[in-house]
């Protein structure tokens, strides 16, 4: 009798769970469409990420047994001068990438905003063309251009009569900025498209009303256009900063983080620790630090985006 009752209770529990699941999908059908992506995302991204957190508490060379060392990898990470140097380089890349890409992108967007649709589409395609190229190929091409012996940049400098033959990628003072120029060349076009989307969202009647009230072009831009572009500016800022912390290909192909550690960034130092020095625990600890930085920036982006959507000034 008790066995039969137990079976009935089990069936009832299963039926209740199935009904709850069905009701959940009926009330929130979007989760059903996200389920295939989540099933792929979980084993290939989430689980390895959790593995990195676990690995950061072990000493492991990639072969043999793993020895637990607690927070020693994190202590070594915080005290490692190359980590702080790499982080500072990431900050410089983020700052200059934001200034150059966002600034040049806004100027180019304003330049073609009033063009005809066909002409605008042409320039947008031209600006976006560098994005379609592989970062490895772009890095190799610019590496040849930067070559002090036969590169086109030094040839142009000599042709215009300037007595200067910079080493570019071989110079500790220029290498990082040379890489920033490459990233700016490839990604400014995307910022142009984002700025254009923001400009298109501005109600023309506001600009027309300001013009009729006697506001000049600069006044209209300062008091109407710029404030209304604030959501786009926030997105570009956070997107550029996060992208800068993930810089790897340009640096690895062109300088390997050198000369010395003059262009070292966190991801290249993670790579060197893991695959060149066989210090996977230390690499995992640096990865966790980088994850925390990017997570904070992402949450900040979401927070600022929510405030803008709600009409609240941050």
Foldseek 3Di string as FASTA:
>chain_A
DVVVVVVVVVVVVVVVVVVVVVVVCVVPVVVVVCVVVCVVCCPPPVVVLVVLVVLLQWWFLPDDDIHGNGCPLVVCLVPPVLQVVQAVLLVVLLVVLLCLLLVVLLVVLVVCLPPDPVVSVVVLCVQQVLQVDDLLVLLVLLLQLLDLPRHPVQVVCVVVPHPDRDNQCADLVRVSVSLSVSVSSRPSSVSNVLLSVLVVPFDVVVVVVCVVVPDDPVRCCVPPVVVSCVLSSLVSSLVSSLVSLVDDSNCCNRHLCDPVNSNRHLVSVLCCCCPVVSGSNSSSSSVVVSVVVNVVSVVVNVVCNVCVVVVHDD
